């Protein structure tokens, strides 16, 4: 199945938009909620900060969750773009599946901040809540954070994300164009950083220091942003070239850039 030039350009543009959109809620959370550092602080401190954030903080987490959920549709579209199924059918199908699963896992992890944590934070901040109830809330939050956040959203989600990027990059290795070559390098850095960052979740499980692994996660996702942008622009340019070539073949001269 071949994709049209217009579809290739749309998917390329979507890659750039997703890269930018993904970083907006992340930046807002970093500025207003001290994310991601706050995730490793005591439950009482996190719940108090969350309660102080109000509706705006919940909506920011919701937008972050939607960005992850968008990957469920975007990953298959990216894999199939530019005749991916014709060039490398096995890698293309694997990338489509793992990318969709990565988006779903991360969305599930982020959803706890929208649908579960607000109730815990409200009860924790209520003056009528006694000490025993607050202690129970802290334990509940800690378990929710470790399972929904560290295990599903971070560890499983990051592992699938690294696998998706690796498969997507492998499917495009050898393609012509300097943008594609740069994208391959950026994708490789993203995979290495995200895989290194998996050590943080394992360190938490083993109760040993793991702060150094968080730098890998941050670097990996920054490289992922670069990879998406480079890949997106590369697809747009490829689509433009194909459309121009089709115009020439039909007897219509392509528009020349000034």
C-alpha atoms as a PDB file:
ATOM      1  CA  UNK A   1       0.000   0.000   0.000  1.00  0.00           C
ATOM      2  CA  UNK A   2       1.495   3.309  -1.118  1.00  0.00           C
ATOM      3  CA  UNK A   3       0.803   6.608   0.573  1.00  0.00           C
ATOM      4  CA  UNK A   4       0.128   9.807  -1.336  1.00  0.00           C
ATOM      5  CA  UNK A   5       2.428  12.815  -1.258  1.00  0.00           C
ATOM      6  CA  UNK A   6      -0.240  14.829   0.525  1.00  0.00           C
ATOM      7  CA  UNK A   7      -0.614  12.181   3.241  1.00  0.00           C
ATOM      8  CA  UNK A   8       3.157  12.103   3.719  1.00  0.00           C
ATOM      9  CA  UNK A   9       3.197  15.884   4.206  1.00  0.00           C
ATOM     10  CA  UNK A  10       0.292  15.749   6.673  1.00  0.00           C
ATOM     11  CA  UNK A  11       2.012  13.088   8.773  1.00  0.00           C
ATOM     12  CA  UNK A  12       5.248  15.091   8.664  1.00  0.00           C
ATOM     13  CA  UNK A  13       3.483  18.224   9.842  1.00  0.00           C
ATOM     14  CA  UNK A  14       1.769  16.213  12.585  1.00  0.00           C
ATOM     15  CA  UNK A  15       5.177  15.017  13.828  1.00  0.00           C
ATOM     16  CA  UNK A  16       6.350  18.600  14.280  1.00  0.00           C
ATOM     17  CA  UNK A  17       3.093  19.620  15.974  1.00  0.00           C
ATOM     18  CA  UNK A  18       3.219  16.634  18.353  1.00  0.00           C
ATOM     19  CA  UNK A  19       6.840  17.379  19.263  1.00  0.00           C
ATOM     20  CA  UNK A  20       5.933  20.945  20.197  1.00  0.00           C
ATOM     21  CA  UNK A  21       2.626  20.047  21.864  1.00  0.00           C
ATOM     22  CA  UNK A  22       4.270  17.387  24.030  1.00  0.00           C
ATOM     23  CA  UNK A  23       6.718  19.918  25.471  1.00  0.00           C
ATOM     24  CA  UNK A  24       4.144  22.615  26.332  1.00  0.00           C
ATOM     25  CA  UNK A  25       2.447  20.831  29.288  1.00  0.00           C
ATOM     26  CA  UNK A  26       5.841  19.472  30.342  1.00  0.00           C
ATOM     27  CA  UNK A  27       7.235  23.015  30.526  1.00  0.00           C
ATOM     28  CA  UNK A  28       4.168  24.285  32.389  1.00  0.00           C
ATOM     29  CA  UNK A  29       4.420  21.453  34.922  1.00  0.00           C
ATOM     30  CA  UNK A  30       8.133  22.112  35.382  1.00  0.00           C
ATOM     31  CA  UNK A  31       7.429  25.789  36.082  1.00  0.00           C
ATOM     32  CA  UNK A  32       4.337  25.409  38.286  1.00  0.00           C
ATOM     33  CA  UNK A  33       4.670  21.954  39.877  1.00  0.00           C
ATOM     34  CA  UNK A  34       8.444  21.364  39.933  1.00  0.00           C
ATOM     35  CA  UNK A  35       7.962  18.366  37.637  1.00  0.00           C
ATOM     36  CA  UNK A  36       9.549  15.834  37.367  1.00  0.00           C
ATOM     37  CA  UNK A  37      11.584  16.298  40.551  1.00  0.00           C
ATOM     38  CA  UNK A  38       8.484  16.474  42.741  1.00  0.00           C
ATOM     39  CA  UNK A  39       7.587  12.878  41.856  1.00  0.00           C
ATOM     40  CA  UNK A  40      10.278  11.575  44.201  1.00  0.00           C
ATOM     41  CA  UNK A  41       9.318  13.736  47.196  1.00  0.00           C
ATOM     42  CA  UNK A  42       7.246  12.613  50.209  1.00  0.00           C
ATOM     43  CA  UNK A  43       3.577  11.992  49.490  1.00  0.00           C
ATOM     44  CA  UNK A  44       2.420  14.694  51.899  1.00  0.00           C
ATOM     45  CA  UNK A  45       4.464  17.331  50.079  1.00  0.00           C
ATOM     46  CA  UNK A  46       3.233  16.251  46.636  1.00  0.00           C
ATOM     47  CA  UNK A  47      -0.413  16.175  47.709  1.00  0.00           C
ATOM     48  CA  UNK A  48      -0.172  19.617  49.297  1.00  0.00           C
ATOM     49  CA  UNK A  49       1.423  21.067  46.145  1.00  0.00           C
ATOM     50  CA  UNK A  50      -1.188  19.386  43.952  1.00  0.00           C
ATOM     51  CA  UNK A  51      -4.044  20.775  46.040  1.00  0.00           C
ATOM     52  CA  UNK A  52      -2.544  24.262  45.767  1.00  0.00           C
ATOM     53  CA  UNK A  53      -2.360  23.923  41.973  1.00  0.00           C
ATOM     54  CA  UNK A  54      -6.129  23.838  41.585  1.00  0.00           C
ATOM     55  CA  UNK A  55      -8.060  23.337  38.356  1.00  0.00           C
ATOM     56  CA  UNK A  56      -5.283  24.696  36.155  1.00  0.00           C
ATOM     57  CA  UNK A  57      -2.900  21.982  37.293  1.00  0.00           C
ATOM     58  CA  UNK A  58      -5.449  19.238  36.630  1.00  0.00           C
ATOM     59  CA  UNK A  59      -6.102  20.571  33.124  1.00  0.00           C
ATOM     60  CA  UNK A  60      -2.355  20.709  32.456  1.00  0.00           C
ATOM     61  CA  UNK A  61      -2.053  17.036  33.389  1.00  0.00           C
ATOM     62  CA  UNK A  62      -5.065  16.310  31.193  1.00  0.00           C
ATOM     63  CA  UNK A  63      -3.425  17.970  28.193  1.00  0.00           C
ATOM     64  CA  UNK A  64      -0.237  16.005  28.897  1.00  0.00           C
ATOM     65  CA  UNK A  65      -2.281  12.798  28.927  1.00  0.00           C
ATOM     66  CA  UNK A  66      -3.912  13.726  25.603  1.00  0.00           C
ATOM     67  CA  UNK A  67      -0.483  14.244  24.021  1.00  0.00           C
ATOM     68  CA  UNK A  68       0.516  10.730  25.075  1.00  0.00           C
ATOM     69  CA  UNK A  69      -2.805   9.367  23.829  1.00  0.00           C
ATOM     70  CA  UNK A  70      -2.250  11.059  20.467  1.00  0.00           C
ATOM     71  CA  UNK A  71       0.704   8.723  19.992  1.00  0.00           C
ATOM     72  CA  UNK A  72      -1.755   5.818  19.709  1.00  0.00           C
ATOM     73  CA  UNK A  73      -2.910   7.201  16.353  1.00  0.00           C
ATOM     74  CA  UNK A  74       0.265   8.994  15.335  1.00  0.00           C
ATOM     75  CA  UNK A  75       2.687   6.050  15.614  1.00  0.00           C
ATOM     76  CA  UNK A  76       0.858   3.898  13.020  1.00  0.00           C
ATOM     77  CA  UNK A  77       0.467   6.937  10.733  1.00  0.00           C
ATOM     78  CA  UNK A  78       4.196   7.675  10.947  1.00  0.00           C
ATOM     79  CA  UNK A  79       5.090   4.045  10.301  1.00  0.00           C
ATOM     80  CA  UNK A  80       2.886   3.865   7.196  1.00  0.00           C
ATOM     81  CA  UNK A  81       3.891   7.269   5.824  1.00  0.00           C
ATOM     82  CA  UNK A  82       6.159   7.538   2.802  1.00  0.00           C
ATOM     83  CA  UNK A  83       5.434   3.958   1.663  1.00  0.00           C
ATOM     84  CA  UNK A  84       6.793   2.419   4.859  1.00  0.00           C
ATOM     85  CA  UNK A  85       4.764  -0.762   4.378  1.00  0.00           C
ATOM     86  CA  UNK A  86       6.284  -1.229   0.923  1.00  0.00           C
ATOM     87  CA  UNK A  87       9.904  -0.560   1.954  1.00  0.00           C
ATOM     88  CA  UNK A  88      10.089  -2.450   5.262  1.00  0.00           C
ATOM     89  CA  UNK A  89       6.802  -4.226   6.097  1.00  0.00           C
ATOM     90  CA  UNK A  90       8.050  -6.063   9.211  1.00  0.00           C
ATOM     91  CA  UNK A  91       9.678  -3.046  10.848  1.00  0.00           C
ATOM     92  CA  UNK A  92       6.759  -0.830   9.838  1.00  0.00           C
ATOM     93  CA  UNK A  93       4.115  -3.021  11.452  1.00  0.00           C
ATOM     94  CA  UNK A  94       6.244  -3.520  14.583  1.00  0.00           C
ATOM     95  CA  UNK A  95       6.825   0.240  14.910  1.00  0.00           C
ATOM     96  CA  UNK A  96       3.110   0.957  14.459  1.00  0.00           C
ATOM     97  CA  UNK A  97       2.152  -1.517  17.205  1.00  0.00           C
ATOM     98  CA  UNK A  98       4.831  -0.602  19.751  1.00  0.00           C
ATOM     99  CA  UNK A  99       4.286   3.130  19.257  1.00  0.00           C
ATOM    100  CA  UNK A 100       0.568   2.790  19.873  1.00  0.00           C
ATOM    101  CA  UNK A 101       1.194   0.678  22.986  1.00  0.00           C
ATOM    102  CA  UNK A 102       3.766   3.216  24.233  1.00  0.00           C
ATOM    103  CA  UNK A 103       1.244   6.027  23.936  1.00  0.00           C
ATOM    104  CA  UNK A 104      -1.422   3.990  25.712  1.00  0.00           C
ATOM    105  CA  UNK A 105       0.872   3.007  28.589  1.00  0.00           C
ATOM    106  CA  UNK A 106       2.018   6.581  29.158  1.00  0.00           C
ATOM    107  CA  UNK A 107      -1.544   7.910  28.924  1.00  0.00           C
ATOM    108  CA  UNK A 108      -2.701   5.395  31.549  1.00  0.00           C
ATOM    109  CA  UNK A 109       0.115   6.488  33.841  1.00  0.00           C
ATOM    110  CA  UNK A 110      -0.647  10.180  33.405  1.00  0.00           C
ATOM    111  CA  UNK A 111      -4.403   9.661  33.835  1.00  0.00           C
ATOM    112  CA  UNK A 112      -3.937   9.117  37.573  1.00  0.00           C
ATOM    113  CA  UNK A 113      -3.174  12.835  37.973  1.00  0.00           C
ATOM    114  CA  UNK A 114      -6.530  13.709  36.409  1.00  0.00           C
ATOM    115  CA  UNK A 115      -8.923  11.099  37.774  1.00  0.00           C
ATOM    116  CA  UNK A 116      -7.440   9.767  41.029  1.00  0.00           C
ATOM    117  CA  UNK A 117      -4.994  12.199  42.634  1.00  0.00           C
ATOM    118  CA  UNK A 118      -7.438  15.177  42.837  1.00  0.00           C
ATOM    119  CA  UNK A 119      -9.731  13.255  45.205  1.00  0.00           C
ATOM    120  CA  UNK A 120      -6.784  12.200  47.357  1.00  0.00           C
ATOM    121  CA  UNK A 121      -5.379  15.740  47.451  1.00  0.00           C
ATOM    122  CA  UNK A 122      -8.758  17.251  48.352  1.00  0.00           C
ATOM    123  CA  UNK A 123      -9.264  14.805  51.218  1.00  0.00           C
ATOM    124  CA  UNK A 124      -5.696  15.320  52.400  1.00  0.00           C
ATOM    125  CA  UNK A 125      -6.109  19.119  52.483  1.00  0.00           C
ATOM    126  CA  UNK A 126      -9.471  18.975  54.261  1.00  0.00           C
ATOM    127  CA  UNK A 127      -9.054  20.319  57.843  1.00  0.00           C
ATOM    128  CA  UNK A 128     -11.590  17.749  59.024  1.00  0.00           C
ATOM    129  CA  UNK A 129      -9.362  14.853  57.961  1.00  0.00           C
ATOM    130  CA  UNK A 130      -7.686  13.277  60.985  1.00  0.00           C
ATOM    131  CA  UNK A 131      -4.080  12.074  61.192  1.00  0.00           C
ATOM    132  CA  UNK A 132      -4.939   8.391  60.657  1.00  0.00           C
ATOM    133  CA  UNK A 133      -6.936   9.198  57.528  1.00  0.00           C
ATOM    134  CA  UNK A 134      -4.116  11.377  56.185  1.00  0.00           C
ATOM    135  CA  UNK A 135      -1.621   8.570  56.751  1.00  0.00           C
ATOM    136  CA  UNK A 136      -3.884   6.210  54.801  1.00  0.00           C
ATOM    137  CA  UNK A 137      -4.145   8.742  51.971  1.00  0.00           C
ATOM    138  CA  UNK A 138      -0.359   9.034  51.824  1.00  0.00           C
ATOM    139  CA  UNK A 139       0.010   5.251  51.540  1.00  0.00           C
ATOM    140  CA  UNK A 140      -2.681   5.111  48.849  1.00  0.00           C
ATOM    141  CA  UNK A 141      -0.985   7.875  46.869  1.00  0.00           C
ATOM    142  CA  UNK A 142       2.408   6.203  47.183  1.00  0.00           C
ATOM    143  CA  UNK A 143       1.057   2.879  45.894  1.00  0.00           C
ATOM    144  CA  UNK A 144      -0.810   4.611  43.072  1.00  0.00           C
ATOM    145  CA  UNK A 145       2.319   6.532  42.112  1.00  0.00           C
ATOM    146  CA  UNK A 146       4.540   3.454  42.153  1.00  0.00           C
ATOM    147  CA  UNK A 147       2.150   1.272  40.164  1.00  0.00           C
ATOM    148  CA  UNK A 148       0.408   3.683  37.796  1.00  0.00           C
ATOM    149  CA  UNK A 149       3.317   6.094  37.477  1.00  0.00           C
ATOM    150  CA  UNK A 150       6.647   4.311  37.870  1.00  0.00           C
ATOM    151  CA  UNK A 151       5.647   0.815  36.687  1.00  0.00           C
ATOM    152  CA  UNK A 152       3.150   1.524  33.889  1.00  0.00           C
ATOM    153  CA  UNK A 153       3.668   5.127  32.788  1.00  0.00           C
ATOM    154  CA  UNK A 154       7.405   5.482  33.253  1.00  0.00           C
ATOM    155  CA  UNK A 155       9.014   2.033  33.077  1.00  0.00           C
ATOM    156  CA  UNK A 156       6.709   0.189  30.677  1.00  0.00           C
ATOM    157  CA  UNK A 157       5.828   3.335  28.747  1.00  0.00           C
ATOM    158  CA  UNK A 158       9.468   4.378  28.362  1.00  0.00           C
ATOM    159  CA  UNK A 159      10.575   0.887  27.342  1.00  0.00           C
ATOM    160  CA  UNK A 160       7.921   0.765  24.627  1.00  0.00           C
ATOM    161  CA  UNK A 161       8.778   4.318  23.531  1.00  0.00           C
ATOM    162  CA  UNK A 162      12.450   3.419  23.130  1.00  0.00           C
ATOM    163  CA  UNK A 163      11.497   0.292  21.174  1.00  0.00           C
ATOM    164  CA  UNK A 164       9.147   2.323  18.953  1.00  0.00           C
ATOM    165  CA  UNK A 165      11.786   4.933  18.136  1.00  0.00           C
ATOM    166  CA  UNK A 166      14.368   2.242  17.478  1.00  0.00           C
ATOM    167  CA  UNK A 167      12.070   0.377  15.082  1.00  0.00           C
ATOM    168  CA  UNK A 168      10.983   3.588  13.349  1.00  0.00           C
ATOM    169  CA  UNK A 169      14.606   4.641  12.902  1.00  0.00           C
ATOM    170  CA  UNK A 170      15.629   1.199  11.645  1.00  0.00           C
ATOM    171  CA  UNK A 171      12.864   1.318   9.035  1.00  0.00           C
ATOM    172  CA  UNK A 172      14.352   4.528   7.598  1.00  0.00           C
ATOM    173  CA  UNK A 173      18.078   3.745   7.792  1.00  0.00           C
ATOM    174  CA  UNK A 174      19.654   4.121   4.378  1.00  0.00           C
ATOM    175  CA  UNK A 175      17.108   6.579   3.009  1.00  0.00           C
ATOM    176  CA  UNK A 176      18.583   9.523   1.134  1.00  0.00           C
ATOM    177  CA  UNK A 177      18.635  13.066   2.527  1.00  0.00           C
ATOM    178  CA  UNK A 178      20.596  14.907   5.170  1.00  0.00           C
ATOM    179  CA  UNK A 179      17.480  15.407   7.320  1.00  0.00           C
ATOM    180  CA  UNK A 180      16.920  11.666   7.423  1.00  0.00           C
ATOM    181  CA  UNK A 181      20.546  11.044   8.422  1.00  0.00           C
ATOM    182  CA  UNK A 182      20.290  13.590  11.237  1.00  0.00           C
ATOM    183  CA  UNK A 183      16.980  12.061  12.327  1.00  0.00           C
ATOM    184  CA  UNK A 184      18.602   8.629  12.534  1.00  0.00           C
ATOM    185  CA  UNK A 185      21.321  10.011  14.840  1.00  0.00           C
ATOM    186  CA  UNK A 186      18.802  11.891  16.994  1.00  0.00           C
ATOM    187  CA  UNK A 187      16.644   8.775  17.231  1.00  0.00           C
ATOM    188  CA  UNK A 188      19.637   6.730  18.329  1.00  0.00           C
ATOM    189  CA  UNK A 189      20.438   9.216  21.093  1.00  0.00           C
ATOM    190  CA  UNK A 190      16.779   9.178  22.171  1.00  0.00           C
ATOM    191  CA  UNK A 191      16.738   5.394  22.423  1.00  0.00           C
ATOM    192  CA  UNK A 192      19.989   5.319  24.420  1.00  0.00           C
ATOM    193  CA  UNK A 193      18.848   8.043  26.829  1.00  0.00           C
ATOM    194  CA  UNK A 194      15.389   6.595  27.429  1.00  0.00           C
ATOM    195  CA  UNK A 195      16.750   3.076  27.975  1.00  0.00           C
ATOM    196  CA  UNK A 196      19.321   4.438  30.435  1.00  0.00           C
ATOM    197  CA  UNK A 197      16.508   6.244  32.242  1.00  0.00           C
ATOM    198  CA  UNK A 198      14.752   2.938  32.905  1.00  0.00           C
ATOM    199  CA  UNK A 199      17.297   2.371  35.630  1.00  0.00           C
ATOM    200  CA  UNK A 200      15.520   4.926  37.831  1.00  0.00           C
ATOM    201  CA  UNK A 201      12.409   2.779  38.213  1.00  0.00           C
ATOM    202  CA  UNK A 202      14.496  -0.308  38.921  1.00  0.00           C
ATOM    203  CA  UNK A 203      16.530   1.648  41.475  1.00  0.00           C
ATOM    204  CA  UNK A 204      13.310   2.624  43.253  1.00  0.00           C
ATOM    205  CA  UNK A 205      12.221  -1.013  43.331  1.00  0.00           C
ATOM    206  CA  UNK A 206      15.586  -2.063  44.783  1.00  0.00           C
ATOM    207  CA  UNK A 207      15.626   0.917  47.174  1.00  0.00           C
ATOM    208  CA  UNK A 208      19.013   2.166  45.981  1.00  0.00           C
ATOM    209  CA  UNK A 209      20.032   5.660  44.744  1.00  0.00           C
ATOM    210  CA  UNK A 210      19.014   6.234  41.135  1.00  0.00           C
ATOM    211  CA  UNK A 211      18.991   9.994  40.588  1.00  0.00           C
ATOM    212  CA  UNK A 212      21.593   9.766  37.826  1.00  0.00           C
ATOM    213  CA  UNK A 213      19.176   7.800  35.633  1.00  0.00           C
ATOM    214  CA  UNK A 214      16.722  10.713  35.518  1.00  0.00           C
ATOM    215  CA  UNK A 215      19.223  12.689  33.432  1.00  0.00           C
ATOM    216  CA  UNK A 216      19.091   9.942  30.822  1.00  0.00           C
ATOM    217  CA  UNK A 217      15.310  10.184  30.659  1.00  0.00           C
ATOM    218  CA  UNK A 218      15.386  13.961  30.221  1.00  0.00           C
ATOM    219  CA  UNK A 219      18.112  13.782  27.562  1.00  0.00           C
ATOM    220  CA  UNK A 220      16.301  10.943  25.820  1.00  0.00           C
ATOM    221  CA  UNK A 221      13.019  12.808  25.536  1.00  0.00           C
ATOM    222  CA  UNK A 222      14.790  15.969  24.392  1.00  0.00           C
ATOM    223  CA  UNK A 223      16.435  13.913  21.650  1.00  0.00           C
ATOM    224  CA  UNK A 224      13.037  12.402  20.861  1.00  0.00           C
ATOM    225  CA  UNK A 225      11.689  15.926  20.302  1.00  0.00           C
ATOM    226  CA  UNK A 226      14.539  16.653  17.897  1.00  0.00           C
ATOM    227  CA  UNK A 227      13.960  13.318  16.155  1.00  0.00           C
ATOM    228  CA  UNK A 228      10.262  14.040  15.662  1.00  0.00           C
ATOM    229  CA  UNK A 229      10.952  17.508  14.262  1.00  0.00           C
ATOM    230  CA  UNK A 230      13.665  16.297  11.885  1.00  0.00           C
ATOM    231  CA  UNK A 231      11.545  13.347  10.788  1.00  0.00           C
ATOM    232  CA  UNK A 232       8.548  15.608  10.305  1.00  0.00           C
ATOM    233  CA  UNK A 233      10.380  18.149   8.164  1.00  0.00           C
ATOM    234  CA  UNK A 234      11.976  15.327   6.205  1.00  0.00           C
ATOM    235  CA  UNK A 235       8.561  13.845   5.403  1.00  0.00           C
ATOM    236  CA  UNK A 236       7.154  17.232   4.427  1.00  0.00           C
ATOM    237  CA  UNK A 237      10.041  17.856   2.037  1.00  0.00           C
ATOM    238  CA  UNK A 238       9.755  14.347   0.605  1.00  0.00           C
ATOM    239  CA  UNK A 239       6.045  14.863   0.048  1.00  0.00           C
ATOM    240  CA  UNK A 240       6.664  18.199  -1.643  1.00  0.00           C
ATOM    241  CA  UNK A 241       9.255  16.599  -3.936  1.00  0.00           C
ATOM    242  CA  UNK A 242       6.899  13.765  -4.832  1.00  0.00           C
ATOM    243  CA  UNK A 243       4.039  16.151  -5.512  1.00  0.00           C
ATOM    244  CA  UNK A 244       6.287  18.340  -7.671  1.00  0.00           C
ATOM    245  CA  UNK A 245       7.497  15.273  -9.543  1.00  0.00           C
ATOM    246  CA  UNK A 246       3.922  14.205 -10.173  1.00  0.00           C
ATOM    247  CA  UNK A 247       3.169  17.703 -11.488  1.00  0.00           C
ATOM    248  CA  UNK A 248       6.083  17.497 -13.924  1.00  0.00           C
ATOM    249  CA  UNK A 249       4.956  14.063 -15.052  1.00  0.00           C
ATOM    250  CA  UNK A 250       1.519  15.442 -15.773  1.00  0.00           C
ATOM    251  CA  UNK A 251       2.980  18.298 -17.820  1.00  0.00           C
ATOM    252  CA  UNK A 252       2.673  20.885 -15.028  1.00  0.00           C
ATOM    253  CA  UNK A 253       5.840  22.741 -14.064  1.00  0.00           C
ATOM    254  CA  UNK A 254       6.533  22.751 -10.298  1.00  0.00           C
ATOM    255  CA  UNK A 255       6.724  26.043  -8.456  1.00  0.00           C
ATOM    256  CA  UNK A 256      10.336  27.090  -7.908  1.00  0.00           C
ATOM    257  CA  UNK A 257      11.389  28.570  -4.597  1.00  0.00           C
ATOM    258  CA  UNK A 258      12.645  32.141  -4.821  1.00  0.00           C
END
